[in-house]
Amino acid sequence: MSYVFVSAVADAKVGDPVKTCPVSIPKGDDRGKVFTTTNLRTQDFRTLGDSRHLCGGAGPDRREGRSGPAS
């Protein structure tokens, strides 16, 4: 969940295959889940939390980029 522009999401197309993996699931905090999703067509990825306010208000750990080999 993000309030800012995420290029990996904007570049995705309907029907793109993706792989989503949990990165962090804090015990006892339903707001604190973090997942990395990779678009298998573009190899772009994003790591976002499932809630904007994790751990009592801290923002999620947000990363994005390209996971394939450097061009």
Foldseek 3Di string as FASTA:
>chain_A
DDPDDDVQVVPDDPPFDKDKDWDDDDPPWNQATWIKMARPVQQKIWIATPHQAPPNRDGTDIDIDHPDDDD
